[in-house]
Amino acid sequence: MYANKMHMSKAAVYKQLISEYGEKFTEDAAKYAIENVKVDWKENALYKADMYANKMHMSKAAVRPHPLFYFTISFIFLQSP
């Protein structure tokens, strides 16, 4: 639901799954779910960017994530178990 209906990113779905305020899954279970869910993450990103730009009237610079965002996501998904 988070990915397909709400167009959330991998990182946002992961955070929702492990959050104490969200689903409270283990990190391993959340990683397994992210790796096996059938979703087009690029399509989700385009949908969100379009929504921010056209419905919320945000600039391209405001829509583009901060460089630290990429480092954080890489760290979460590329670290060894």
N, C-alpha and C. Protein backbone atom coordinates (compact mmCIF):
# COMPACT_ATOMS: atom_id res chain seq x y z
N MET A 1 0.81 -1.19 0.00
CA MET A 1 0.00 0.00 0.00
C MET A 1 0.86 1.27 0.00
N TYR A 2 1.88 1.30 0.85
CA TYR A 2 2.70 2.51 0.93
C TYR A 2 3.35 2.83 -0.41
N ALA A 3 3.86 1.80 -1.08
CA ALA A 3 4.55 2.02 -2.33
C ALA A 3 3.58 2.23 -3.49
N ASN A 4 2.56 1.40 -3.58
CA ASN A 4 1.68 1.44 -4.75
C ASN A 4 0.56 2.48 -4.68
N LYS A 5 0.03 2.74 -3.53
CA LYS A 5 -1.08 3.70 -3.41
C LYS A 5 -0.61 5.10 -3.00
N MET A 6 0.42 5.13 -2.16
CA MET A 6 0.90 6.42 -1.65
C MET A 6 2.14 6.90 -2.39
N HIS A 7 2.65 6.08 -3.31
CA HIS A 7 3.82 6.43 -4.13
C HIS A 7 5.03 6.81 -3.29
N MET A 8 5.24 6.09 -2.20
CA MET A 8 6.37 6.36 -1.32
C MET A 8 7.64 5.78 -1.92
N SER A 9 8.76 6.37 -1.56
CA SER A 9 10.07 5.89 -2.00
C SER A 9 10.46 4.65 -1.20
N LYS A 10 11.52 3.98 -1.67
CA LYS A 10 12.07 2.83 -0.93
C LYS A 10 12.40 3.24 0.50
N ALA A 11 13.09 4.36 0.62
CA ALA A 11 13.53 4.82 1.94
C ALA A 11 12.34 5.12 2.84
N ALA A 12 11.31 5.77 2.29
CA ALA A 12 10.14 6.11 3.09
C ALA A 12 9.38 4.86 3.53
N VAL A 13 9.26 3.89 2.63
CA VAL A 13 8.58 2.64 2.98
C VAL A 13 9.37 1.92 4.06
N TYR A 14 10.68 1.86 3.88
CA TYR A 14 11.55 1.20 4.87
C TYR A 14 11.38 1.85 6.25
N LYS A 15 11.44 3.18 6.29
CA LYS A 15 11.30 3.89 7.56
C LYS A 15 9.94 3.63 8.19
N GLN A 16 8.90 3.59 7.36
CA GLN A 16 7.56 3.32 7.88
C GLN A 16 7.47 1.91 8.46
N LEU A 17 8.10 0.95 7.80
CA LEU A 17 8.03 -0.43 8.25
C LEU A 17 8.76 -0.65 9.58
N ILE A 18 9.87 0.05 9.80
CA ILE A 18 10.64 -0.17 11.03
C ILE A 18 10.31 0.82 12.15
N SER A 19 9.55 1.84 11.85
CA SER A 19 9.26 2.88 12.82
C SER A 19 8.48 2.36 14.02
N GLU A 20 8.83 2.89 15.20
CA GLU A 20 8.07 2.54 16.40
C GLU A 20 6.67 3.14 16.33
N TYR A 21 6.48 4.14 15.48
CA TYR A 21 5.17 4.76 15.30
C TYR A 21 4.45 4.19 14.08
N GLY A 22 5.15 3.34 13.32
CA GLY A 22 4.58 2.73 12.13
C GLY A 22 4.27 1.28 12.35
N GLU A 23 4.87 0.43 11.54
CA GLU A 23 4.55 -1.00 11.55
C GLU A 23 5.37 -1.83 12.55
N LYS A 24 6.52 -1.29 13.00
CA LYS A 24 7.37 -1.94 14.00
C LYS A 24 7.95 -3.29 13.55
N PHE A 25 8.25 -3.42 12.25
CA PHE A 25 8.91 -4.63 11.76
C PHE A 25 10.39 -4.57 12.11
N THR A 26 11.05 -5.72 12.12
CA THR A 26 12.50 -5.74 12.30
C THR A 26 13.15 -5.18 11.04
N GLU A 27 14.41 -4.76 11.15
CA GLU A 27 15.13 -4.25 9.99
C GLU A 27 15.25 -5.32 8.91
N ASP A 28 15.52 -6.57 9.33
CA ASP A 28 15.63 -7.66 8.35
C ASP A 28 14.32 -7.89 7.61
N ALA A 29 13.22 -7.86 8.32
CA ALA A 29 11.91 -8.06 7.68
C ALA A 29 11.60 -6.91 6.72
N ALA A 30 11.93 -5.69 7.13
CA ALA A 30 11.68 -4.54 6.26
C ALA A 30 12.55 -4.60 5.01
N LYS A 31 13.81 -4.98 5.16
CA LYS A 31 14.69 -5.12 3.98
C LYS A 31 14.18 -6.20 3.05
N TYR A 32 13.71 -7.30 3.60
CA TYR A 32 13.15 -8.38 2.78
C TYR A 32 11.94 -7.87 2.00
N ALA A 33 11.07 -7.13 2.68
CA ALA A 33 9.87 -6.60 2.03
C ALA A 33 10.25 -5.65 0.89
N ILE A 34 11.19 -4.76 1.14
CA ILE A 34 11.62 -3.80 0.12
C ILE A 34 12.20 -4.52 -1.09
N GLU A 35 12.99 -5.55 -0.85
CA GLU A 35 13.63 -6.29 -1.93
C GLU A 35 12.64 -7.12 -2.75
N ASN A 36 11.49 -7.46 -2.16
CA ASN A 36 10.56 -8.38 -2.83
C ASN A 36 9.23 -7.77 -3.25
N VAL A 37 8.98 -6.54 -2.91
CA VAL A 37 7.72 -5.90 -3.31
C VAL A 37 7.78 -5.59 -4.81
N LYS A 38 6.66 -5.71 -5.48
CA LYS A 38 6.57 -5.42 -6.92
C LYS A 38 6.13 -3.97 -7.08
N VAL A 39 7.11 -3.10 -7.32
CA VAL A 39 6.81 -1.68 -7.48
C VAL A 39 7.87 -1.04 -8.38
N ASP A 40 7.46 -0.05 -9.13
CA ASP A 40 8.39 0.71 -9.97
C ASP A 40 8.80 1.96 -9.19
N TRP A 41 9.95 1.87 -8.53
CA TRP A 41 10.40 2.97 -7.66
C TRP A 41 10.64 4.25 -8.45
N LYS A 42 11.12 4.12 -9.68
CA LYS A 42 11.35 5.32 -10.51
C LYS A 42 10.03 6.00 -10.85
N GLU A 43 9.01 5.20 -11.14
CA GLU A 43 7.68 5.76 -11.42
C GLU A 43 7.14 6.49 -10.20
N ASN A 44 7.35 5.93 -9.02
CA ASN A 44 6.92 6.59 -7.79
C ASN A 44 7.62 7.94 -7.62
N ALA A 45 8.92 7.96 -7.90
CA ALA A 45 9.68 9.21 -7.76
C ALA A 45 9.17 10.26 -8.74
N LEU A 46 8.89 9.85 -9.98
CA LEU A 46 8.37 10.79 -10.96
C LEU A 46 6.99 11.31 -10.55
N TYR A 47 6.16 10.43 -10.04
CA TYR A 47 4.82 10.83 -9.60
C TYR A 47 4.92 11.88 -8.48
N LYS A 48 5.77 11.60 -7.50
CA LYS A 48 5.93 12.53 -6.37
C LYS A 48 6.51 13.86 -6.84
N ALA A 49 7.53 13.81 -7.70
CA ALA A 49 8.15 15.04 -8.20
C ALA A 49 7.13 15.88 -8.96
N ASP A 50 6.31 15.21 -9.78
CA ASP A 50 5.28 15.92 -10.54
C ASP A 50 4.26 16.55 -9.59
N MET A 51 3.87 15.81 -8.56
CA MET A 51 2.91 16.33 -7.59
C MET A 51 3.48 17.56 -6.87
N TYR A 52 4.73 17.44 -6.42
CA TYR A 52 5.34 18.57 -5.72
C TYR A 52 5.46 19.79 -6.63
N ALA A 53 5.89 19.56 -7.88
CA ALA A 53 6.11 20.67 -8.80
C ALA A 53 4.80 21.30 -9.27
N ASN A 54 3.81 20.49 -9.60
CA ASN A 54 2.60 21.03 -10.22
C ASN A 54 1.44 21.29 -9.25
N LYS A 55 1.32 20.51 -8.22
CA LYS A 55 0.21 20.72 -7.29
C LYS A 55 0.62 21.57 -6.09
N MET A 56 1.89 21.47 -5.72
CA MET A 56 2.36 22.24 -4.57
C MET A 56 3.21 23.43 -5.01
N HIS A 57 3.41 23.55 -6.32
CA HIS A 57 4.12 24.68 -6.92
C HIS A 57 5.53 24.87 -6.35
N MET A 58 6.22 23.75 -6.16
CA MET A 58 7.60 23.81 -5.67
C MET A 58 8.55 23.92 -6.86
N SER A 59 9.68 24.58 -6.65
CA SER A 59 10.69 24.70 -7.70
C SER A 59 11.44 23.38 -7.87
N LYS A 60 12.17 23.27 -8.98
CA LYS A 60 12.99 22.06 -9.20
C LYS A 60 14.00 21.88 -8.07
N ALA A 61 14.59 22.98 -7.63
CA ALA A 61 15.58 22.90 -6.55
C ALA A 61 14.94 22.42 -5.25
N ALA A 62 13.72 22.81 -5.00
CA ALA A 62 13.04 22.40 -3.77
C ALA A 62 12.62 20.94 -3.83
N VAL A 63 12.29 20.46 -5.02
CA VAL A 63 11.88 19.07 -5.20
C VAL A 63 13.07 18.12 -5.07
N ARG A 64 14.22 18.54 -5.57
CA ARG A 64 15.42 17.70 -5.56
C ARG A 64 15.91 17.53 -4.12
N PRO A 65 16.15 16.26 -3.70
CA PRO A 65 16.61 16.05 -2.32
C PRO A 65 18.03 16.56 -2.08
N HIS A 66 18.31 16.82 -0.84
CA HIS A 66 19.63 17.27 -0.40
C HIS A 66 20.65 16.16 -0.66
N PRO A 67 21.90 16.48 -1.02
CA PRO A 67 22.92 15.45 -1.27
C PRO A 67 23.12 14.48 -0.11
N LEU A 68 22.93 14.92 1.11
CA LEU A 68 23.07 14.03 2.27
C LEU A 68 22.03 12.92 2.22
N PHE A 69 20.88 13.18 1.60
CA PHE A 69 19.83 12.18 1.45
C PHE A 69 20.38 10.95 0.72
N TYR A 70 21.12 11.16 -0.36
CA TYR A 70 21.66 10.03 -1.12
C TYR A 70 22.66 9.22 -0.30
N PHE A 71 23.48 9.90 0.49
CA PHE A 71 24.43 9.21 1.34
C PHE A 71 23.70 8.35 2.37
N THR A 72 22.68 8.90 2.98
CA THR A 72 21.92 8.18 4.00
C THR A 72 21.25 6.95 3.42
N ILE A 73 20.62 7.08 2.28
CA ILE A 73 19.93 5.96 1.64
C ILE A 73 20.94 4.89 1.24
N SER A 74 22.06 5.31 0.68
CA SER A 74 23.10 4.35 0.31
C SER A 74 23.59 3.59 1.53
N PHE A 75 23.78 4.29 2.62
CA PHE A 75 24.25 3.65 3.85
C PHE A 75 23.25 2.59 4.34
N ILE A 76 21.98 2.94 4.33
CA ILE A 76 20.94 2.03 4.81
C ILE A 76 20.87 0.76 3.96
N PHE A 77 20.85 0.92 2.64
CA PHE A 77 20.60 -0.21 1.76
C PHE A 77 21.83 -0.95 1.30
N LEU A 78 23.02 -0.38 1.48
CA LEU A 78 24.21 -1.05 0.98
C LEU A 78 25.10 -1.61 2.07
N GLN A 79 24.74 -1.43 3.32
CA GLN A 79 25.59 -1.97 4.37
C GLN A 79 25.44 -3.48 4.44
N SER A 80 26.50 -4.11 4.80
CA SER A 80 26.50 -5.59 4.88
C SER A 80 25.75 -6.05 6.12
N PRO A 81 25.04 -7.18 6.02
CA PRO A 81 24.33 -7.70 7.20
C PRO A 81 25.27 -8.24 8.25
